Amino acid sequence: MKFLRKKRSKPTIRLTSLIDIVFLLLVFFLLTSSFVDQQGVTILVPEVENKSEDVLPEISISIDEKGNIYFNSVLVNEAILLKLIKRNLKDMPNKNVAIRADRRVQYDSVVQVIDIAKAAGAKDFLLITQQ
């Protein structure tokens, strides 16, 4: 006896509706997300194992742990510091300033001294460290 076999159709997945849903999800996430561009600063830390023979500038500014500012070992305030740096930078061709700050001094004090030196016309700064 011969039985009739029914032809089975192969199952198919309708991709059109699936693609529509994926596209809508993509649009939703693109519209609701925010892209923040975070800028970073690359810092190269110098090694201080070797002793360098750099020539120190004639202008030397020191800041002690209390925030007192010294210009070539003389205690000064910010207004006098500006005048002294301007006067001494006139004769210097390279316009470099050496800054020596105590490690316990607040960062704000060092930035303030750098701003004063920039206003006076200094071009480069040398931050003095110990080996």
C-alpha atoms as a PDB file:
ATOM      1  CA  MET A   1       0.000   0.000   0.000  1.00  0.00           C
ATOM      2  CA  LYS A   2       1.262   3.319  -0.971  1.00  0.00           C
ATOM      3  CA  PHE A   3       0.744   6.326   1.308  1.00  0.00           C
ATOM      4  CA  LEU A   4       0.617   9.824   0.036  1.00  0.00           C
ATOM      5  CA  ARG A   5       3.235  12.078   1.443  1.00  0.00           C
ATOM      6  CA  LYS A   6       2.490  15.701   1.917  1.00  0.00           C
ATOM      7  CA  LYS A   7       5.072  18.079   0.685  1.00  0.00           C
ATOM      8  CA  ARG A   8       6.426  20.067   3.534  1.00  0.00           C
ATOM      9  CA  SER A   9       7.467  23.588   2.879  1.00  0.00           C
ATOM     10  CA  LYS A  10      10.738  24.735   4.348  1.00  0.00           C
ATOM     11  CA  PRO A  11      10.382  27.188   7.167  1.00  0.00           C
ATOM     12  CA  THR A  12      11.475  30.713   6.284  1.00  0.00           C
ATOM     13  CA  ILE A  13      12.260  33.658   8.438  1.00  0.00           C
ATOM     14  CA  ARG A  14      10.894  36.926   7.226  1.00  0.00           C
ATOM     15  CA  LEU A  15      13.814  39.315   7.595  1.00  0.00           C
ATOM     16  CA  THR A  16      11.990  42.453   6.563  1.00  0.00           C
ATOM     17  CA  SER A  17      10.258  42.950   9.884  1.00  0.00           C
ATOM     18  CA  LEU A  18      13.405  42.004  11.781  1.00  0.00           C
ATOM     19  CA  ILE A  19      15.469  44.561   9.868  1.00  0.00           C
ATOM     20  CA  ASP A  20      12.836  47.229  10.559  1.00  0.00           C
ATOM     21  CA  ILE A  21      12.970  46.572  14.290  1.00  0.00           C
ATOM     22  CA  VAL A  22      16.790  46.617  14.380  1.00  0.00           C
ATOM     23  CA  PHE A  23      16.835  49.862  12.409  1.00  0.00           C
ATOM     24  CA  LEU A  24      14.354  51.488  14.813  1.00  0.00           C
ATOM     25  CA  LEU A  25      16.443  50.390  17.803  1.00  0.00           C
ATOM     26  CA  LEU A  26      19.566  51.807  16.182  1.00  0.00           C
ATOM     27  CA  VAL A  27      17.869  55.152  15.562  1.00  0.00           C
ATOM     28  CA  PHE A  28      16.532  55.212  19.121  1.00  0.00           C
ATOM     29  CA  PHE A  29      19.963  54.614  20.674  1.00  0.00           C
ATOM     30  CA  LEU A  30      21.639  57.153  18.421  1.00  0.00           C
ATOM     31  CA  LEU A  31      19.129  59.837  19.334  1.00  0.00           C
ATOM     32  CA  THR A  32      19.113  59.181  23.067  1.00  0.00           C
ATOM     33  CA  SER A  33      22.832  58.739  23.629  1.00  0.00           C
ATOM     34  CA  SER A  34      25.215  61.606  24.053  1.00  0.00           C
ATOM     35  CA  PHE A  35      28.803  61.494  22.948  1.00  0.00           C
ATOM     36  CA  VAL A  36      31.169  63.384  25.215  1.00  0.00           C
ATOM     37  CA  ASP A  37      34.563  64.250  23.852  1.00  0.00           C
ATOM     38  CA  GLN A  38      36.893  64.122  26.814  1.00  0.00           C
ATOM     39  CA  GLN A  39      40.170  65.820  26.207  1.00  0.00           C
ATOM     40  CA  GLY A  40      43.175  64.299  27.833  1.00  0.00           C
ATOM     41  CA  VAL A  41      46.613  65.619  28.500  1.00  0.00           C
ATOM     42  CA  THR A  42      49.642  63.500  27.791  1.00  0.00           C
ATOM     43  CA  ILE A  43      52.298  64.084  30.397  1.00  0.00           C
ATOM     44  CA  LEU A  44      55.828  62.851  29.945  1.00  0.00           C
ATOM     45  CA  VAL A  45      57.493  62.688  33.319  1.00  0.00           C
ATOM     46  CA  PRO A  46      61.240  63.282  33.095  1.00  0.00           C
ATOM     47  CA  GLU A  47      63.638  60.977  34.833  1.00  0.00           C
ATOM     48  CA  VAL A  48      65.941  62.664  37.302  1.00  0.00           C
ATOM     49  CA  GLU A  49      68.411  59.853  37.955  1.00  0.00           C
ATOM     50  CA  ASN A  50      71.168  61.537  35.981  1.00  0.00           C
ATOM     51  CA  LYS A  51      72.516  64.846  37.084  1.00  0.00           C
ATOM     52  CA  SER A  52      71.963  67.472  34.410  1.00  0.00           C
ATOM     53  CA  GLU A  53      74.267  70.402  33.869  1.00  0.00           C
ATOM     54  CA  ASP A  54      71.612  72.948  32.909  1.00  0.00           C
ATOM     55  CA  VAL A  55      72.517  76.575  33.273  1.00  0.00           C
ATOM     56  CA  LEU A  56      70.037  78.222  35.611  1.00  0.00           C
ATOM     57  CA  PRO A  57      68.499  81.520  34.546  1.00  0.00           C
ATOM     58  CA  GLU A  58      69.502  84.663  36.367  1.00  0.00           C
ATOM     59  CA  ILE A  59      65.941  85.156  37.580  1.00  0.00           C
ATOM     60  CA  SER A  60      65.094  82.753  40.377  1.00  0.00           C
ATOM     61  CA  ILE A  61      61.738  82.768  42.169  1.00  0.00           C
ATOM     62  CA  SER A  62      61.230  80.685  45.298  1.00  0.00           C
ATOM     63  CA  ILE A  63      58.009  79.847  47.137  1.00  0.00           C
ATOM     64  CA  ASP A  64      58.148  78.495  50.678  1.00  0.00           C
ATOM     65  CA  GLU A  65      55.583  76.220  52.329  1.00  0.00           C
ATOM     66  CA  LYS A  66      53.605  79.203  53.664  1.00  0.00           C
ATOM     67  CA  GLY A  67      53.245  80.709  50.184  1.00  0.00           C
ATOM     68  CA  ASN A  68      55.778  83.502  50.642  1.00  0.00           C
ATOM     69  CA  ILE A  69      57.426  84.550  47.383  1.00  0.00           C
ATOM     70  CA  TYR A  70      61.160  85.271  47.142  1.00  0.00           C
ATOM     71  CA  PHE A  71      62.826  86.941  44.159  1.00  0.00           C
ATOM     72  CA  ASN A  72      66.536  86.019  44.123  1.00  0.00           C
ATOM     73  CA  SER A  73      66.293  85.248  47.888  1.00  0.00           C
ATOM     74  CA  VAL A  74      64.530  88.539  48.745  1.00  0.00           C
ATOM     75  CA  LEU A  75      60.983  88.417  50.155  1.00  0.00           C
ATOM     76  CA  VAL A  76      58.565  90.283  47.844  1.00  0.00           C
ATOM     77  CA  ASN A  77      54.846  90.581  47.221  1.00  0.00           C
ATOM     78  CA  GLU A  78      53.090  90.008  43.890  1.00  0.00           C
ATOM     79  CA  ALA A  79      53.102  93.635  42.698  1.00  0.00           C
ATOM     80  CA  ILE A  80      56.810  94.057  43.367  1.00  0.00           C
ATOM     81  CA  LEU A  81      57.522  90.651  41.790  1.00  0.00           C
ATOM     82  CA  LEU A  82      55.910  91.777  38.538  1.00  0.00           C
ATOM     83  CA  LYS A  83      58.026  94.949  38.415  1.00  0.00           C
ATOM     84  CA  LEU A  84      61.267  93.104  39.262  1.00  0.00           C
ATOM     85  CA  ILE A  85      60.719  90.440  36.607  1.00  0.00           C
ATOM     86  CA  LYS A  86      59.900  93.069  33.955  1.00  0.00           C
ATOM     87  CA  ARG A  87      63.038  95.047  34.813  1.00  0.00           C
ATOM     88  CA  ASN A  88      65.321  91.996  34.737  1.00  0.00           C
ATOM     89  CA  LEU A  89      63.843  90.467  31.575  1.00  0.00           C
ATOM     90  CA  LYS A  90      64.715  93.558  29.515  1.00  0.00           C
ATOM     91  CA  ASP A  91      68.414  92.643  29.539  1.00  0.00           C
ATOM     92  CA  MET A  92      67.959  88.900  29.015  1.00  0.00           C
ATOM     93  CA  PRO A  93      67.848  87.448  25.480  1.00  0.00           C
ATOM     94  CA  ASN A  94      66.246  84.076  26.378  1.00  0.00           C
ATOM     95  CA  LYS A  95      63.645  85.350  28.913  1.00  0.00           C
ATOM     96  CA  ASN A  96      63.759  82.219  31.120  1.00  0.00           C
ATOM     97  CA  VAL A  97      62.631  82.124  34.745  1.00  0.00           C
ATOM     98  CA  ALA A  98      63.532  79.471  37.332  1.00  0.00           C
ATOM     99  CA  ILE A  99      60.841  78.598  39.886  1.00  0.00           C
ATOM    100  CA  ARG A 100      61.657  76.653  43.043  1.00  0.00           C
ATOM    101  CA  ALA A 101      58.620  75.724  45.142  1.00  0.00           C
ATOM    102  CA  ASP A 102      58.364  73.754  48.364  1.00  0.00           C
ATOM    103  CA  ARG A 103      56.595  70.432  47.886  1.00  0.00           C
ATOM    104  CA  ARG A 104      54.013  71.345  50.544  1.00  0.00           C
ATOM    105  CA  VAL A 105      53.016  74.618  48.879  1.00  0.00           C
ATOM    106  CA  GLN A 106      49.562  74.802  47.340  1.00  0.00           C
ATOM    107  CA  TYR A 107      49.442  74.325  43.591  1.00  0.00           C
ATOM    108  CA  ASP A 108      47.525  77.589  43.242  1.00  0.00           C
ATOM    109  CA  SER A 109      50.526  79.581  44.502  1.00  0.00           C
ATOM    110  CA  VAL A 110      52.811  78.141  41.821  1.00  0.00           C
ATOM    111  CA  VAL A 111      50.272  78.859  39.073  1.00  0.00           C
ATOM    112  CA  GLN A 112      49.886  82.417  40.362  1.00  0.00           C
ATOM    113  CA  VAL A 113      53.646  82.999  40.171  1.00  0.00           C
ATOM    114  CA  ILE A 114      53.744  81.556  36.634  1.00  0.00           C
ATOM    115  CA  ASP A 115      50.908  83.916  35.620  1.00  0.00           C
ATOM    116  CA  ILE A 116      52.798  86.896  37.054  1.00  0.00           C
ATOM    117  CA  ALA A 117      55.948  85.890  35.175  1.00  0.00           C
ATOM    118  CA  LYS A 118      53.984  85.478  31.922  1.00  0.00           C
ATOM    119  CA  ALA A 119      52.455  88.927  32.392  1.00  0.00           C
ATOM    120  CA  ALA A 120      55.967  90.321  32.861  1.00  0.00           C
ATOM    121  CA  GLY A 121      57.101  88.800  29.545  1.00  0.00           C
ATOM    122  CA  ALA A 122      58.747  85.503  30.510  1.00  0.00           C
ATOM    123  CA  LYS A 123      58.743  82.891  27.737  1.00  0.00           C
ATOM    124  CA  ASP A 124      60.019  79.677  29.375  1.00  0.00           C
ATOM    125  CA  PHE A 125      59.908  78.358  32.924  1.00  0.00           C
ATOM    126  CA  LEU A 126      62.293  75.991  34.648  1.00  0.00           C
ATOM    127  CA  LEU A 127      60.811  74.162  37.637  1.00  0.00           C
ATOM    128  CA  ILE A 128      63.617  73.208  39.997  1.00  0.00           C
ATOM    129  CA  THR A 129      63.523  69.735  41.579  1.00  0.00           C
ATOM    130  CA  GLN A 130      65.863  67.639  43.663  1.00  0.00           C
ATOM    131  CA  GLN A 131      67.386  64.350  42.604  1.00  0.00           C
END
